[in-house]
Protein backbone atom coordinates (compact mmCIF):
# COMPACT_ATOMS: atom_id res chain seq x y z
CA UNK A 1 -18.36 6.28 4.41
CA UNK A 2 -16.59 3.17 5.69
CA UNK A 3 -15.11 2.57 2.16
CA UNK A 4 -13.66 6.16 2.07
CA UNK A 5 -12.17 5.65 5.68
CA UNK A 6 -10.31 2.39 4.57
CA UNK A 7 -9.06 4.03 1.35
CA UNK A 8 -7.70 7.16 3.28
CA UNK A 9 -6.12 4.99 6.06
CA UNK A 10 -4.38 2.93 3.27
CA UNK A 11 -3.16 6.17 1.62
CA UNK A 12 -1.82 7.35 4.96
CA UNK A 13 -0.24 4.10 5.80
CA UNK A 14 1.45 3.73 2.31
CA UNK A 15 2.68 7.28 1.80
CA UNK A 16 3.14 9.14 5.24
CA UNK A 17 6.82 8.31 5.38
CA UNK A 18 7.55 9.53 1.69
CA UNK A 19 5.50 12.80 2.36
CA UNK A 20 7.41 13.36 5.60
CA UNK A 21 10.78 13.03 3.95
CA UNK A 22 9.66 15.51 1.23
CA UNK A 23 8.25 17.97 3.54
CA UNK A 24 11.40 17.79 5.88
CA UNK A 25 13.50 18.47 2.84
CA UNK A 26 11.36 21.58 2.01
CA UNK A 27 11.15 23.10 5.58
CA UNK A 28 14.16 21.59 7.38
CA UNK A 29 12.11 21.49 10.53
CA UNK A 30 10.61 18.26 12.02
CA UNK A 31 7.62 19.96 13.69
CA UNK A 32 6.79 22.03 10.53
CA UNK A 33 7.11 18.89 8.38
CA UNK A 34 4.73 16.96 10.67
CA UNK A 35 2.34 19.88 10.46
CA UNK A 36 2.50 20.17 6.49
CA UNK A 37 1.96 16.31 6.20
CA UNK A 38 -0.96 16.45 8.78
CA UNK A 39 -2.64 19.23 6.80
CA UNK A 40 -1.77 17.62 3.55
CA UNK A 41 -3.76 14.48 4.62
CA UNK A 42 -6.67 16.71 6.11
CA UNK A 43 -7.08 18.27 2.60
CA UNK A 44 -6.71 14.89 1.07
CA UNK A 45 -9.57 13.63 3.27
CA UNK A 46 -11.75 16.43 2.17
CA UNK A 47 -11.13 15.94 -1.51
CA UNK A 48 -10.64 12.10 -1.60
CA UNK A 49 -13.37 11.55 -3.94
CA UNK A 50 -11.45 13.51 -6.62
CA UNK A 51 -8.79 10.86 -6.65
CA UNK A 52 -9.74 8.67 -9.31
CA UNK A 53 -6.60 6.46 -9.68
CA UNK A 54 -4.85 5.04 -6.68
CA UNK A 55 -1.55 5.07 -8.80
CA UNK A 56 -1.68 8.73 -9.07
CA UNK A 57 -2.23 9.16 -5.04
CA UNK A 58 1.48 9.95 -4.47
CA UNK A 59 1.80 12.70 -7.02
CA UNK A 60 -1.61 14.10 -5.96
CA UNK A 61 -0.64 14.20 -2.28
CA UNK A 62 2.89 15.79 -3.19
CA UNK A 63 0.97 18.44 -5.04
CA UNK A 64 -1.18 19.20 -1.97
CA UNK A 65 1.95 19.39 0.17
CA UNK A 66 3.67 21.86 -2.09
CA UNK A 67 0.72 23.91 -1.88
CA UNK A 68 0.54 23.68 1.85
CA UNK A 69 4.06 24.66 2.02
CA UNK A 70 3.57 27.68 -0.15
CA UNK A 71 0.53 28.67 2.01
CA UNK A 72 2.76 28.92 5.05
CA UNK A 73 4.45 31.90 3.54
CA UNK A 74 1.42 33.56 2.51
CA UNK A 75 0.23 33.43 6.07
CA UNK A 76 3.28 34.24 8.01
CA UNK A 77 6.90 35.17 7.52
CA UNK A 78 9.25 32.82 9.29
CA UNK A 79 12.83 33.20 10.16
CA UNK A 80 14.98 31.77 7.41
CA UNK A 81 17.46 29.20 8.28
CA UNK A 82 20.81 28.89 6.64
CA UNK A 83 21.18 25.62 5.06
CA UNK A 84 24.81 25.32 5.95
CA UNK A 85 24.16 25.48 9.74
CA UNK A 86 21.03 23.23 9.69
CA UNK A 87 21.80 19.74 10.37
CA UNK A 88 19.33 17.18 8.70
CA UNK A 89 19.34 13.94 10.95
CA UNK A 90 20.49 10.83 9.16
CA UNK A 91 20.12 8.01 11.51
CA UNK A 92 21.51 5.41 9.02
CA UNK A 93 24.76 6.83 8.48
CA UNK A 94 27.63 4.66 9.31
CA UNK A 95 30.29 7.25 10.26
CA UNK A 96 31.40 10.73 10.39
CA UNK A 97 33.01 10.85 6.94
CA UNK A 98 29.66 9.82 5.43
CA UNK A 99 27.86 12.28 7.59
CA UNK A 100 30.24 15.08 6.17
CA UNK A 101 29.91 13.99 2.63
CA UNK A 102 26.01 13.91 3.06
CA UNK A 103 26.14 17.50 4.37
CA UNK A 104 28.36 18.48 1.51
CA UNK A 105 25.73 17.22 -0.98
CA UNK A 106 22.95 18.71 0.87
CA UNK A 107 24.65 22.07 0.62
CA UNK A 108 25.33 21.87 -3.00
CA UNK A 109 21.71 20.60 -3.63
CA UNK A 110 20.53 23.70 -1.72
CA UNK A 111 22.69 25.86 -4.01
CA UNK A 112 20.91 24.70 -7.15
CA UNK A 113 18.35 27.03 -8.50
CA UNK A 114 14.78 26.03 -7.45
CA UNK A 115 13.87 25.08 -10.94
CA UNK A 116 16.68 22.51 -10.90
CA UNK A 117 16.60 21.60 -7.22
CA UNK A 118 12.80 20.77 -6.98
CA UNK A 119 12.57 18.13 -9.84
CA UNK A 120 15.89 16.73 -8.43
CA UNK A 121 14.42 16.20 -4.84
CA UNK A 122 11.06 14.85 -6.36
CA UNK A 123 13.09 12.08 -8.35
CA UNK A 124 15.61 11.36 -5.54
CA UNK A 125 13.45 11.49 -2.38
CA UNK A 126 10.01 11.26 -3.92
CA UNK A 127 11.00 8.51 -6.22
CA UNK A 128 8.83 9.94 -8.99
CA UNK A 129 9.37 9.50 -12.73
CA UNK A 130 10.04 12.38 -15.13
CA UNK A 131 6.42 12.23 -16.24
CA UNK A 132 5.07 12.32 -12.72
CA UNK A 133 7.25 15.23 -11.92
CA UNK A 134 6.02 16.89 -15.11
CA UNK A 135 2.42 16.71 -13.70
CA UNK A 136 3.20 17.74 -10.26
CA UNK A 137 5.13 20.88 -11.33
CA UNK A 138 2.89 21.47 -14.13
CA UNK A 139 5.65 21.36 -16.86
CA UNK A 140 6.38 19.51 -19.98
CA UNK A 141 8.27 16.19 -19.50
CA UNK A 142 11.13 17.32 -21.75
CA UNK A 143 11.43 20.38 -19.64
CA UNK A 144 11.59 18.21 -16.52
CA UNK A 145 14.24 15.90 -18.00
CA UNK A 146 16.28 18.64 -19.18
CA UNK A 147 16.32 20.29 -15.67
CA UNK A 148 17.07 16.89 -14.17
CA UNK A 149 20.10 16.63 -16.50
CA UNK A 150 21.27 20.14 -15.71
CA UNK A 151 20.89 19.58 -12.07
CA UNK A 152 23.04 16.37 -12.05
CA UNK A 153 25.55 18.22 -14.33
CA UNK A 154 25.79 21.13 -11.75
CA UNK A 155 26.27 18.73 -8.97
CA UNK A 156 29.05 16.99 -10.97
CA UNK A 157 30.71 20.21 -11.67
CA UNK A 158 30.55 21.18 -8.00
CA UNK A 159 32.02 17.87 -7.12
CA UNK A 160 34.99 18.34 -9.54
CA UNK A 161 35.64 21.77 -8.42
CA UNK A 162 35.26 21.32 -4.59
CA UNK A 163 38.25 19.64 -3.33
CA UNK A 164 36.83 19.36 0.08
CA UNK A 165 33.71 17.18 -0.24
CA UNK A 166 34.63 15.29 2.96
CA UNK A 167 35.76 18.06 4.99
CA UNK A 168 39.53 17.88 4.00
CA UNK A 169 41.33 21.25 4.00
CA UNK A 170 43.44 22.47 1.12
CA UNK A 171 46.51 22.97 2.86
């Protein structure tokens, strides 16, 4: 029992921040994100013996978190929040121009179809490889790589078409 406790505490310590960032991206609410992470770690504790390789822990926990997030919608209908009016705090931003650019990027990422947005977020926020993302999303690695490529191209096209990425007006 003591070994399981130490293993669990090491997982929580090492991966709590990554899980929270991903959860926050999914729900855009600090309290809900904290609840999702807590529930994820609770389920992880119960199933810790099924985790055979420590290097697979992050992908395993992200998969649990994604399922927990899906369960939220099965249990209860929440008020949907418009991404354009939701500010995601970024405490490391140097100035207003960077904040506006970050918000512009968040809006365009949110506009991507879910099949493109989710692998991109897993790569950018979660730091997962294409192979790990394939495992998490239960997809072929080539499919994941294609979706990542298309997501980046769609963002690039949006940047080229949008003349106001930093809040500048057209007039």
